[in-house]
Amino acid sequence: MGDIPRRLGPDLLTIGPDRLVIHSPADMDGWDVRRHRKPLIHYDNRTWQIERKLPSGRGSFRYELKPWTPADLELTGPEIRYDAAYVEAREAERAIERRQNAIAPLMTV
């Protein structure tokens, strides 16, 4: 069976049996490729770890994740629940930042 595309807010996801690719307009806080204490991403009743984070143009990012299992025997980093509530909160924060950045030049005297 092929990969399944989905949308979660503005994010475009491609889900396969052994990978999850997320195209996002956001540079998501804590979603970094690390050698140790890798963050775990919980999505769709599975746990994933970030394998690659690549800029994909116009300020957006491509996150490539692979499945994580407890058999990996690594000390893990932060755990992030990636769901509609996460994306909604992230987008609300981004909207506030955009408004503040638009107003900031007007505030200088």
PDB file of N, CA and C in Angstrom:
ATOM      1  N   MET A   1       0.845  -1.180   0.000  1.00  0.00           N
ATOM      2  CA  MET A   1       0.000   0.000   0.000  1.00  0.00           C
ATOM      3  C   MET A   1       0.889   1.242   0.000  1.00  0.00           C
ATOM      4  N   GLY A   2       0.498   2.284  -0.749  1.00  0.00           N
ATOM      5  CA  GLY A   2       1.309   3.479  -0.868  1.00  0.00           C
ATOM      6  C   GLY A   2       1.168   4.399   0.324  1.00  0.00           C
ATOM      7  N   ASP A   3       1.967   5.440   0.291  1.00  0.00           N
ATOM      8  CA  ASP A   3       1.907   6.444   1.349  1.00  0.00           C
ATOM      9  C   ASP A   3       0.575   7.182   1.285  1.00  0.00           C
ATOM     10  N   ILE A   4       0.104   7.611   2.442  1.00  0.00           N
ATOM     11  CA  ILE A   4      -1.183   8.277   2.553  1.00  0.00           C
ATOM     12  C   ILE A   4      -0.965   9.749   2.886  1.00  0.00           C
ATOM     13  N   PRO A   5      -1.431  10.685   2.013  1.00  0.00           N
ATOM     14  CA  PRO A   5      -1.310  12.113   2.339  1.00  0.00           C
ATOM     15  C   PRO A   5      -2.468  12.564   3.231  1.00  0.00           C
ATOM     16  N   ARG A   6      -2.169  13.467   4.152  1.00  0.00           N
ATOM     17  CA  ARG A   6      -3.180  14.043   5.058  1.00  0.00           C
ATOM     18  C   ARG A   6      -2.825  15.500   5.303  1.00  0.00           C
ATOM     19  N   ARG A   7      -3.811  16.230   5.782  1.00  0.00           N
ATOM     20  CA  ARG A   7      -3.595  17.616   6.214  1.00  0.00           C
ATOM     21  C   ARG A   7      -3.884  17.704   7.700  1.00  0.00           C
ATOM     22  N   LEU A   8      -3.079  18.488   8.378  1.00  0.00           N
ATOM     23  CA  LEU A   8      -3.310  18.805   9.789  1.00  0.00           C
ATOM     24  C   LEU A   8      -3.070  20.308   9.887  1.00  0.00           C
ATOM     25  N   GLY A   9      -4.148  21.076   9.836  1.00  0.00           N
ATOM     26  CA  GLY A   9      -4.005  22.520   9.741  1.00  0.00           C
ATOM     27  C   GLY A   9      -3.281  22.840   8.448  1.00  0.00           C
ATOM     28  N   PRO A  10      -2.276  23.725   8.495  1.00  0.00           N
ATOM     29  CA  PRO A  10      -1.533  24.055   7.284  1.00  0.00           C
ATOM     30  C   PRO A  10      -0.458  23.018   6.925  1.00  0.00           C
ATOM     31  N   ASP A  11      -0.248  22.026   7.778  1.00  0.00           N
ATOM     32  CA  ASP A  11       0.784  21.021   7.549  1.00  0.00           C
ATOM     33  C   ASP A  11       0.282  19.940   6.591  1.00  0.00           C
ATOM     34  N   LEU A  12       1.164  19.507   5.701  1.00  0.00           N
ATOM     35  CA  LEU A  12       0.870  18.397   4.802  1.00  0.00           C
ATOM     36  C   LEU A  12       1.705  17.205   5.251  1.00  0.00           C
ATOM     37  N   LEU A  13       1.037  16.092   5.535  1.00  0.00           N
ATOM     38  CA  LEU A  13       1.703  14.894   6.031  1.00  0.00           C
ATOM     39  C   LEU A  13       1.618  13.790   4.989  1.00  0.00           C
ATOM     40  N   THR A  14       2.676  13.019   4.896  1.00  0.00           N
ATOM     41  CA  THR A  14       2.678  11.807   4.090  1.00  0.00           C
ATOM     42  C   THR A  14       3.074  10.683   5.025  1.00  0.00           C
ATOM     43  N   ILE A  15       2.181   9.710   5.150  1.00  0.00           N
ATOM     44  CA  ILE A  15       2.384   8.646   6.118  1.00  0.00           C
ATOM     45  C   ILE A  15       2.562   7.320   5.398  1.00  0.00           C
ATOM     46  N   GLY A  16       3.653   6.644   5.734  1.00  0.00           N
ATOM     47  CA  GLY A  16       3.903   5.307   5.227  1.00  0.00           C
ATOM     48  C   GLY A  16       4.132   4.373   6.397  1.00  0.00           C
ATOM     49  N   PRO A  17       4.308   3.099   6.142  1.00  0.00           N
ATOM     50  CA  PRO A  17       4.488   2.153   7.240  1.00  0.00           C
ATOM     51  C   PRO A  17       5.773   2.394   8.035  1.00  0.00           C
ATOM     52  N   ASP A  18       6.786   2.948   7.376  1.00  0.00           N
ATOM     53  CA  ASP A  18       8.064   3.134   8.064  1.00  0.00           C
ATOM     54  C   ASP A  18       8.566   4.571   8.011  1.00  0.00           C
ATOM     55  N   ARG A  19       7.657   5.519   7.720  1.00  0.00           N
ATOM     56  CA  ARG A  19       8.074   6.916   7.697  1.00  0.00           C
ATOM     57  C   ARG A  19       6.874   7.842   7.799  1.00  0.00           C
ATOM     58  N   LEU A  20       7.159   9.025   8.302  1.00  0.00           N
ATOM     59  CA  LEU A  20       6.186  10.113   8.378  1.00  0.00           C
ATOM     60  C   LEU A  20       6.926  11.362   7.917  1.00  0.00           C
ATOM     61  N   VAL A  21       6.409  11.996   6.877  1.00  0.00           N
ATOM     62  CA  VAL A  21       7.007  13.224   6.365  1.00  0.00           C
ATOM     63  C   VAL A  21       6.006  14.349   6.587  1.00  0.00           C
ATOM     64  N   ILE A  22       6.474  15.432   7.205  1.00  0.00           N
ATOM     65  CA  ILE A  22       5.624  16.577   7.493  1.00  0.00           C
ATOM     66  C   ILE A  22       6.212  17.809   6.817  1.00  0.00           C
ATOM     67  N   HIS A  23       5.422  18.434   5.961  1.00  0.00           N
ATOM     68  CA  HIS A  23       5.786  19.729   5.366  1.00  0.00           C
ATOM     69  C   HIS A  23       5.017  20.767   6.163  1.00  0.00           C
ATOM     70  N   SER A  24       5.750  21.676   6.789  1.00  0.00           N
ATOM     71  CA  SER A  24       5.121  22.655   7.667  1.00  0.00           C
ATOM     72  C   SER A  24       5.645  24.057   7.381  1.00  0.00           C
ATOM     73  N   PRO A  25       4.770  25.063   7.486  1.00  0.00           N
ATOM     74  CA  PRO A  25       5.245  26.433   7.351  1.00  0.00           C
ATOM     75  C   PRO A  25       5.995  26.896   8.598  1.00  0.00           C
ATOM     76  N   ALA A  26       6.020  26.055   9.629  1.00  0.00           N
ATOM     77  CA  ALA A  26       6.611  26.449  10.912  1.00  0.00           C
ATOM     78  C   ALA A  26       7.934  25.748  11.174  1.00  0.00           C
ATOM     79  N   ASP A  27       8.854  26.490  11.775  1.00  0.00           N
ATOM     80  CA  ASP A  27      10.067  25.917  12.344  1.00  0.00           C
ATOM     81  C   ASP A  27       9.666  25.502  13.756  1.00  0.00           C
ATOM     82  N   MET A  28       9.271  24.248  13.904  1.00  0.00           N
ATOM     83  CA  MET A  28       8.656  23.803  15.157  1.00  0.00           C
ATOM     84  C   MET A  28       9.683  23.685  16.281  1.00  0.00           C
ATOM     85  N   ASP A  29       9.360  24.345  17.382  1.00  0.00           N
ATOM     86  CA  ASP A  29      10.219  24.394  18.556  1.00  0.00           C
ATOM     87  C   ASP A  29      10.452  22.989  19.109  1.00  0.00           C
ATOM     88  N   GLY A  30      11.717  22.627  19.271  1.00  0.00           N
ATOM     89  CA  GLY A  30      12.071  21.333  19.838  1.00  0.00           C
ATOM     90  C   GLY A  30      12.154  20.209  18.823  1.00  0.00           C
ATOM     91  N   TRP A  31      11.804  20.479  17.585  1.00  0.00           N
ATOM     92  CA  TRP A  31      11.829  19.457  16.537  1.00  0.00           C
ATOM     93  C   TRP A  31      13.191  19.511  15.833  1.00  0.00           C
ATOM     94  N   ASP A  32      14.217  19.138  16.555  1.00  0.00           N
ATOM     95  CA  ASP A  32      15.568  19.194  16.015  1.00  0.00           C
ATOM     96  C   ASP A  32      16.161  17.796  15.913  1.00  0.00           C
ATOM     97  N   VAL A  33      17.042  17.629  14.944  1.00  0.00           N
ATOM     98  CA  VAL A  33      17.765  16.371  14.810  1.00  0.00           C
ATOM     99  C   VAL A  33      18.875  16.392  15.852  1.00  0.00           C
ATOM    100  N   ARG A  34      18.899  15.385  16.679  1.00  0.00           N
ATOM    101  CA  ARG A  34      19.897  15.317  17.751  1.00  0.00           C
ATOM    102  C   ARG A  34      20.564  13.951  17.738  1.00  0.00           C
ATOM    103  N   ARG A  35      21.768  13.956  18.215  1.00  0.00           N
ATOM    104  CA  ARG A  35      22.497  12.694  18.327  1.00  0.00           C
ATOM    105  C   ARG A  35      22.079  11.943  19.593  1.00  0.00           C
ATOM    106  N   HIS A  36      21.826  12.702  20.653  1.00  0.00           N
ATOM    107  CA  HIS A  36      21.436  12.116  21.935  1.00  0.00           C
ATOM    108  C   HIS A  36      20.151  12.782  22.414  1.00  0.00           C
ATOM    109  N   ARG A  37      19.419  12.070  23.255  1.00  0.00           N
ATOM    110  CA  ARG A  37      18.181  12.583  23.837  1.00  0.00           C
ATOM    111  C   ARG A  37      17.255  13.146  22.768  1.00  0.00           C
ATOM    112  N   LYS A  38      17.007  12.305  21.767  1.00  0.00           N
ATOM    113  CA  LYS A  38      16.163  12.694  20.636  1.00  0.00           C
ATOM    114  C   LYS A  38      14.721  12.884  21.092  1.00  0.00           C
ATOM    115  N   PRO A  39      14.074  13.936  20.578  1.00  0.00           N
ATOM    116  CA  PRO A  39      12.667  14.120  20.927  1.00  0.00           C
ATOM    117  C   PRO A  39      11.814  13.006  20.320  1.00  0.00           C
ATOM    118  N   LEU A  40      10.775  12.628  21.039  1.00  0.00           N
ATOM    119  CA  LEU A  40       9.820  11.649  20.526  1.00  0.00           C
ATOM    120  C   LEU A  40       8.554  12.389  20.132  1.00  0.00           C
ATOM    121  N   ILE A  41       8.046  12.076  18.957  1.00  0.00           N
ATOM    122  CA  ILE A  41       6.843  12.707  18.438  1.00  0.00           C
ATOM    123  C   ILE A  41       5.734  11.654  18.442  1.00  0.00           C
ATOM    124  N   HIS A  42       4.663  11.948  19.155  1.00  0.00           N
ATOM    125  CA  HIS A  42       3.523  11.023  19.209  1.00  0.00           C
ATOM    126  C   HIS A  42       2.475  11.519  18.213  1.00  0.00           C
ATOM    127  N   TYR A  43       2.173  10.674  17.232  1.00  0.00           N
ATOM    128  CA  TYR A  43       1.161  11.017  16.238  1.00  0.00           C
ATOM    129  C   TYR A  43       0.454   9.749  15.776  1.00  0.00           C
ATOM    130  N   ASP A  44      -0.858   9.812  15.725  1.00  0.00           N
ATOM    131  CA  ASP A  44      -1.675   8.734  15.165  1.00  0.00           C
ATOM    132  C   ASP A  44      -1.392   7.381  15.846  1.00  0.00           C
ATOM    133  N   ASN A  45      -1.328   7.417  17.164  1.00  0.00           N
ATOM    134  CA  ASN A  45      -1.107   6.211  17.982  1.00  0.00           C
ATOM    135  C   ASN A  45       0.228   5.527  17.719  1.00  0.00           C
ATOM    136  N   ARG A  46       1.186   6.287  17.220  1.00  0.00           N
ATOM    137  CA  ARG A  46       2.544   5.759  17.019  1.00  0.00           C
ATOM    138  C   ARG A  46       3.540   6.773  17.560  1.00  0.00           C
ATOM    139  N   THR A  47       4.742   6.299  17.822  1.00  0.00           N
ATOM    140  CA  THR A  47       5.810   7.169  18.306  1.00  0.00           C
ATOM    141  C   THR A  47       6.893   7.222  17.241  1.00  0.00           C
ATOM    142  N   TRP A  48       7.336   8.427  16.968  1.00  0.00           N
ATOM    143  CA  TRP A  48       8.302   8.682  15.894  1.00  0.00           C
ATOM    144  C   TRP A  48       9.500   9.446  16.440  1.00  0.00           C
ATOM    145  N   GLN A  49      10.613   9.372  15.714  1.00  0.00           N
ATOM    146  CA  GLN A  49      11.766  10.219  16.023  1.00  0.00           C
ATOM    147  C   GLN A  49      12.202  10.938  14.754  1.00  0.00           C
ATOM    148  N   ILE A  50      12.730  12.122  14.941  1.00  0.00           N
ATOM    149  CA  ILE A  50      13.102  12.963  13.805  1.00  0.00           C
ATOM    150  C   ILE A  50      14.418  12.481  13.216  1.00  0.00           C
ATOM    151  N   GLU A  51      14.364  12.181  11.942  1.00  0.00           N
ATOM    152  CA  GLU A  51      15.558  11.719  11.239  1.00  0.00           C
ATOM    153  C   GLU A  51      16.224  12.863  10.478  1.00  0.00           C
ATOM    154  N   ARG A  52      15.401  13.725   9.863  1.00  0.00           N
ATOM    155  CA  ARG A  52      15.921  14.871   9.118  1.00  0.00           C
ATOM    156  C   ARG A  52      14.974  16.056   9.274  1.00  0.00           C
ATOM    157  N   LYS A  53      15.567  17.251   9.270  1.00  0.00           N
ATOM    158  CA  LYS A  53      14.812  18.508   9.248  1.00  0.00           C
ATOM    159  C   LYS A  53      15.473  19.368   8.182  1.00  0.00           C
ATOM    160  N   LEU A  54      14.707  19.669   7.137  1.00  0.00           N
ATOM    161  CA  LEU A  54      15.279  20.382   6.002  1.00  0.00           C
ATOM    162  C   LEU A  54      14.453  21.620   5.667  1.00  0.00           C
ATOM    163  N   PRO A  55      15.116  22.749   5.380  1.00  0.00           N
ATOM    164  CA  PRO A  55      14.358  23.896   4.889  1.00  0.00           C
ATOM    165  C   PRO A  55      13.788  23.533   3.519  1.00  0.00           C
ATOM    166  N   SER A  56      12.551  23.932   3.264  1.00  0.00           N
ATOM    167  CA  SER A  56      11.948  23.559   1.974  1.00  0.00           C
ATOM    168  C   SER A  56      11.417  24.770   1.213  1.00  0.00           C
ATOM    169  N   GLY A  57      11.989  25.928   1.482  1.00  0.00           N
ATOM    170  CA  GLY A  57      11.644  27.124   0.723  1.00  0.00           C
ATOM    171  C   GLY A  57      10.538  27.937   1.364  1.00  0.00           C
ATOM    172  N   ARG A  58      10.596  29.248   1.151  1.00  0.00           N
ATOM    173  CA  ARG A  58       9.615  30.195   1.671  1.00  0.00           C
ATOM    174  C   ARG A  58       9.416  30.076   3.177  1.00  0.00           C
ATOM    175  N   GLY A  59      10.470  29.753   3.886  1.00  0.00           N
ATOM    176  CA  GLY A  59      10.402  29.686   5.344  1.00  0.00           C
ATOM    177  C   GLY A  59       9.760  28.424   5.889  1.00  0.00           C
ATOM    178  N   SER A  60       9.457  27.465   5.033  1.00  0.00           N
ATOM    179  CA  SER A  60       8.834  26.234   5.508  1.00  0.00           C
ATOM    180  C   SER A  60       9.889  25.147   5.707  1.00  0.00           C
ATOM    181  N   PHE A  61       9.461  24.045   6.329  1.00  0.00           N
ATOM    182  CA  PHE A  61      10.378  22.959   6.659  1.00  0.00           C
ATOM    183  C   PHE A  61       9.784  21.613   6.298  1.00  0.00           C
ATOM    184  N   ARG A  62      10.673  20.691   6.009  1.00  0.00           N
ATOM    185  CA  ARG A  62      10.311  19.294   5.759  1.00  0.00           C
ATOM    186  C   ARG A  62      10.925  18.479   6.899  1.00  0.00           C
ATOM    187  N   TYR A  63      10.067  17.787   7.642  1.00  0.00           N
ATOM    188  CA  TYR A  63      10.502  16.942   8.748  1.00  0.00           C
ATOM    189  C   TYR A  63      10.318  15.494   8.322  1.00  0.00           C
ATOM    190  N   GLU A  64      11.376  14.709   8.391  1.00  0.00           N
ATOM    191  CA  GLU A  64      11.304  13.292   8.057  1.00  0.00           C
ATOM    192  C   GLU A  64      11.485  12.499   9.342  1.00  0.00           C
ATOM    193  N   LEU A  65      10.476  11.698   9.657  1.00  0.00           N
ATOM    194  CA  LEU A  65      10.478  10.940  10.907  1.00  0.00           C
ATOM    195  C   LEU A  65      10.464   9.444  10.619  1.00  0.00           C
ATOM    196  N   LYS A  66      11.052   8.700  11.516  1.00  0.00           N
ATOM    197  CA  LYS A  66      11.018   7.243  11.419  1.00  0.00           C
ATOM    198  C   LYS A  66      10.426   6.684  12.711  1.00  0.00           C
ATOM    199  N   PRO A  67       9.888   5.486  12.656  1.00  0.00           N
ATOM    200  CA  PRO A  67       9.284   4.909  13.860  1.00  0.00           C
ATOM    201  C   PRO A  67      10.306   4.735  14.976  1.00  0.00           C
ATOM    202  N   TRP A  68       9.840   4.896  16.199  1.00  0.00           N
ATOM    203  CA  TRP A  68      10.649   4.661  17.389  1.00  0.00           C
ATOM    204  C   TRP A  68      10.005   3.526  18.171  1.00  0.00           C
ATOM    205  N   THR A  69      10.833   2.687  18.731  1.00  0.00           N
ATOM    206  CA  THR A  69      10.337   1.631  19.605  1.00  0.00           C
ATOM    207  C   THR A  69      11.177   1.622  20.877  1.00  0.00           C
ATOM    208  N   PRO A  70      10.628   1.137  21.980  1.00  0.00           N
ATOM    209  CA  PRO A  70      11.413   1.063  23.222  1.00  0.00           C
ATOM    210  C   PRO A  70      12.664   0.207  23.070  1.00  0.00           C
ATOM    211  N   ALA A  71      12.696  -0.658  22.062  1.00  0.00           N
ATOM    212  CA  ALA A  71      13.875  -1.497  21.834  1.00  0.00           C
ATOM    213  C   ALA A  71      15.080  -0.682  21.377  1.00  0.00           C
ATOM    214  N   ASP A  72      14.851   0.584  21.012  1.00  0.00           N
ATOM    215  CA  ASP A  72      15.969   1.436  20.585  1.00  0.00           C
ATOM    216  C   ASP A  72      16.957   1.681  21.725  1.00  0.00           C
ATOM    217  N   LEU A  73      16.537   1.480  22.960  1.00  0.00           N
ATOM    218  CA  LEU A  73      17.398   1.568  24.146  1.00  0.00           C
ATOM    219  C   LEU A  73      18.216   2.848  24.221  1.00  0.00           C
ATOM    220  N   GLU A  74      17.607   3.948  23.899  1.00  0.00           N
ATOM    221  CA  GLU A  74      18.273   5.245  24.014  1.00  0.00           C
ATOM    222  C   GLU A  74      17.575   6.060  25.084  1.00  0.00           C
ATOM    223  N   LEU A  75      18.335   6.935  25.696  1.00  0.00           N
ATOM    224  CA  LEU A  75      17.739   7.914  26.591  1.00  0.00           C
ATOM    225  C   LEU A  75      17.030   8.926  25.696  1.00  0.00           C
ATOM    226  N   THR A  76      15.742   9.099  25.894  1.00  0.00           N
ATOM    227  CA  THR A  76      14.983   9.978  25.003  1.00  0.00           C
ATOM    228  C   THR A  76      14.947  11.402  25.535  1.00  0.00           C
ATOM    229  N   GLY A  77      14.606  12.292  24.637  1.00  0.00           N
ATOM    230  CA  GLY A  77      14.459  13.695  24.984  1.00  0.00           C
ATOM    231  C   GLY A  77      12.999  14.023  25.252  1.00  0.00           C
ATOM    232  N   PRO A  78      12.607  15.247  24.946  1.00  0.00           N
ATOM    233  CA  PRO A  78      11.224  15.658  25.199  1.00  0.00           C
ATOM    234  C   PRO A  78      10.239  14.848  24.359  1.00  0.00           C
ATOM    235  N   GLU A  79       9.032  14.708  24.887  1.00  0.00           N
ATOM    236  CA  GLU A  79       7.977  14.017  24.158  1.00  0.00           C
ATOM    237  C   GLU A  79       6.946  15.047  23.725  1.00  0.00           C
ATOM    238  N   ILE A  80       6.598  15.010  22.452  1.00  0.00           N
ATOM    239  CA  ILE A  80       5.694  15.986  21.860  1.00  0.00           C
ATOM    240  C   ILE A  80       4.489  15.258  21.275  1.00  0.00           C
ATOM    241  N   ARG A  81       3.306  15.673  21.676  1.00  0.00           N
ATOM    242  CA  ARG A  81       2.071  15.119  21.102  1.00  0.00           C
ATOM    243  C   ARG A  81       1.671  16.009  19.937  1.00  0.00           C
ATOM    244  N   TYR A  82       1.874  15.506  18.722  1.00  0.00           N
ATOM    245  CA  TYR A  82       1.561  16.250  17.502  1.00  0.00           C
ATOM    246  C   TYR A  82       0.137  15.893  17.083  1.00  0.00           C
ATOM    247  N   ASP A  83      -0.775  16.828  17.279  1.00  0.00           N
ATOM    248  CA  ASP A  83      -2.174  16.597  16.943  1.00  0.00           C
ATOM    249  C   ASP A  83      -2.809  17.940  16.588  1.00  0.00           C
ATOM    250  N   ALA A  84      -4.111  17.939  16.385  1.00  0.00           N
ATOM    251  CA  ALA A  84      -4.807  19.169  15.995  1.00  0.00           C
ATOM    252  C   ALA A  84      -4.633  20.275  17.033  1.00  0.00           C
ATOM    253  N   ALA A  85      -4.673  19.926  18.313  1.00  0.00           N
ATOM    254  CA  ALA A  85      -4.504  20.933  19.370  1.00  0.00           C
ATOM    255  C   ALA A  85      -3.101  21.541  19.325  1.00  0.00           C
ATOM    256  N   TYR A  86      -2.090  20.714  19.082  1.00  0.00           N
ATOM    257  CA  TYR A  86      -0.709  21.202  18.981  1.00  0.00           C
ATOM    258  C   TYR A  86      -0.591  22.199  17.825  1.00  0.00           C
ATOM    259  N   VAL A  87      -1.117  21.813  16.659  1.00  0.00           N
ATOM    260  CA  VAL A  87      -1.005  22.668  15.476  1.00  0.00           C
ATOM    261  C   VAL A  87      -1.802  23.959  15.682  1.00  0.00           C
ATOM    262  N   GLU A  88      -2.974  23.865  16.277  1.00  0.00           N
ATOM    263  CA  GLU A  88      -3.794  25.047  16.531  1.00  0.00           C
ATOM    264  C   GLU A  88      -3.070  26.033  17.458  1.00  0.00           C
ATOM    265  N   ALA A  89      -2.477  25.528  18.527  1.00  0.00           N
ATOM    266  CA  ALA A  89      -1.729  26.385  19.464  1.00  0.00           C
ATOM    267  C   ALA A  89      -0.505  26.988  18.786  1.00  0.00           C
ATOM    268  N   ARG A  90       0.186  26.187  18.001  1.00  0.00           N
ATOM    269  CA  ARG A  90       1.373  26.680  17.284  1.00  0.00           C
ATOM    270  C   ARG A  90       0.991  27.792  16.317  1.00  0.00           C
ATOM    271  N   GLU A  91      -0.091  27.608  15.581  1.00  0.00           N
ATOM    272  CA  GLU A  91      -0.514  28.611  14.608  1.00  0.00           C
ATOM    273  C   GLU A  91      -1.007  29.881  15.288  1.00  0.00           C
ATOM    274  N   ALA A  92      -1.661  29.756  16.435  1.00  0.00           N
ATOM    275  CA  ALA A  92      -2.086  30.937  17.189  1.00  0.00           C
ATOM    276  C   ALA A  92      -0.866  31.738  17.640  1.00  0.00           C
ATOM    277  N   GLU A  93       0.160  31.049  18.095  1.00  0.00           N
ATOM    278  CA  GLU A  93       1.398  31.715  18.516  1.00  0.00           C
ATOM    279  C   GLU A  93       2.079  32.397  17.335  1.00  0.00           C
ATOM    280  N   ARG A  94       2.093  31.747  16.192  1.00  0.00           N
ATOM    281  CA  ARG A  94       2.695  32.334  14.987  1.00  0.00           C
ATOM    282  C   ARG A  94       1.928  33.588  14.556  1.00  0.00           C
ATOM    283  N   ALA A  95       0.603  33.563  14.685  1.00  0.00           N
ATOM    284  CA  ALA A  95      -0.217  34.727  14.315  1.00  0.00           C
ATOM    285  C   ALA A  95       0.104  35.919  15.221  1.00  0.00           C
ATOM    286  N   ILE A  96       0.280  35.654  16.512  1.00  0.00           N
ATOM    287  CA  ILE A  96       0.658  36.721  17.456  1.00  0.00           C
ATOM    288  C   ILE A  96       2.013  37.293  17.080  1.00  0.00           C
ATOM    289  N   GLU A  97       2.965  36.431  16.759  1.00  0.00           N
ATOM    290  CA  GLU A  97       4.306  36.890  16.371  1.00  0.00           C
ATOM    291  C   GLU A  97       4.249  37.738  15.104  1.00  0.00           C
ATOM    292  N   ARG A  98       3.435  37.334  14.132  1.00  0.00           N
ATOM    293  CA  ARG A  98       3.316  38.108  12.886  1.00  0.00           C
ATOM    294  C   ARG A  98       2.732  39.494  13.168  1.00  0.00           C
ATOM    295  N   ARG A  99       1.706  39.554  14.039  1.00  0.00           N
ATOM    296  CA  ARG A  99       1.111  40.852  14.387  1.00  0.00           C
ATOM    297  C   ARG A  99       2.132  41.729  15.099  1.00  0.00           C
ATOM    298  N   GLN A 100       2.869  41.153  16.037  1.00  0.00           N
ATOM    299  CA  GLN A 100       3.873  41.931  16.772  1.00  0.00           C
ATOM    300  C   GLN A 100       4.960  42.428  15.833  1.00  0.00           C
ATOM    301  N   ASN A 101       5.377  41.601  14.898  1.00  0.00           N
ATOM    302  CA  ASN A 101       6.410  42.007  13.947  1.00  0.00           C
ATOM    303  C   ASN A 101       5.907  43.090  13.011  1.00  0.00           C
ATOM    304  N   ALA A 102       4.615  43.088  12.687  1.00  0.00           N
ATOM    305  CA  ALA A 102       4.042  44.117  11.826  1.00  0.00           C
ATOM    306  C   ALA A 102       3.913  45.446  12.558  1.00  0.00           C
ATOM    307  N   ILE A 103       3.648  45.392  13.842  1.00  0.00           N
ATOM    308  CA  ILE A 103       3.450  46.606  14.635  1.00  0.00           C
ATOM    309  C   ILE A 103       4.778  47.195  15.109  1.00  0.00           C
ATOM    310  N   ALA A 104       5.772  46.388  15.318  1.00  0.00           N
ATOM    311  CA  ALA A 104       7.052  46.839  15.898  1.00  0.00           C
ATOM    312  C   ALA A 104       7.647  48.036  15.167  1.00  0.00           C
ATOM    313  N   PRO A 105       7.697  48.059  13.828  1.00  0.00           N
ATOM    314  CA  PRO A 105       8.274  49.246  13.158  1.00  0.00           C
ATOM    315  C   PRO A 105       7.479  50.523  13.422  1.00  0.00           C
ATOM    316  N   LEU A 106       6.188  50.378  13.678  1.00  0.00           N
ATOM    317  CA  LEU A 106       5.362  51.562  13.934  1.00  0.00           C
ATOM    318  C   LEU A 106       5.582  52.110  15.334  1.00  0.00           C
ATOM    319  N   MET A 107       6.120  51.298  16.223  1.00  0.00           N
ATOM    320  CA  MET A 107       6.309  51.688  17.608  1.00  0.00           C
ATOM    321  C   MET A 107       7.608  52.455  17.850  1.00  0.00           C
ATOM    322  N   THR A 108       8.518  52.413  16.889  1.00  0.00           N
ATOM    323  CA  THR A 108       9.781  53.146  17.065  1.00  0.00           C
ATOM    324  C   THR A 108       9.543  54.630  16.826  1.00  0.00           C
ATOM    325  N   VAL A 109      10.165  55.410  17.630  1.00  0.00           N
ATOM    326  CA  VAL A 109       9.977  56.864  17.547  1.00  0.00           C
ATOM    327  C   VAL A 109      11.180  57.518  16.940  1.00  0.00           C
TER     328      VAL A 109
END
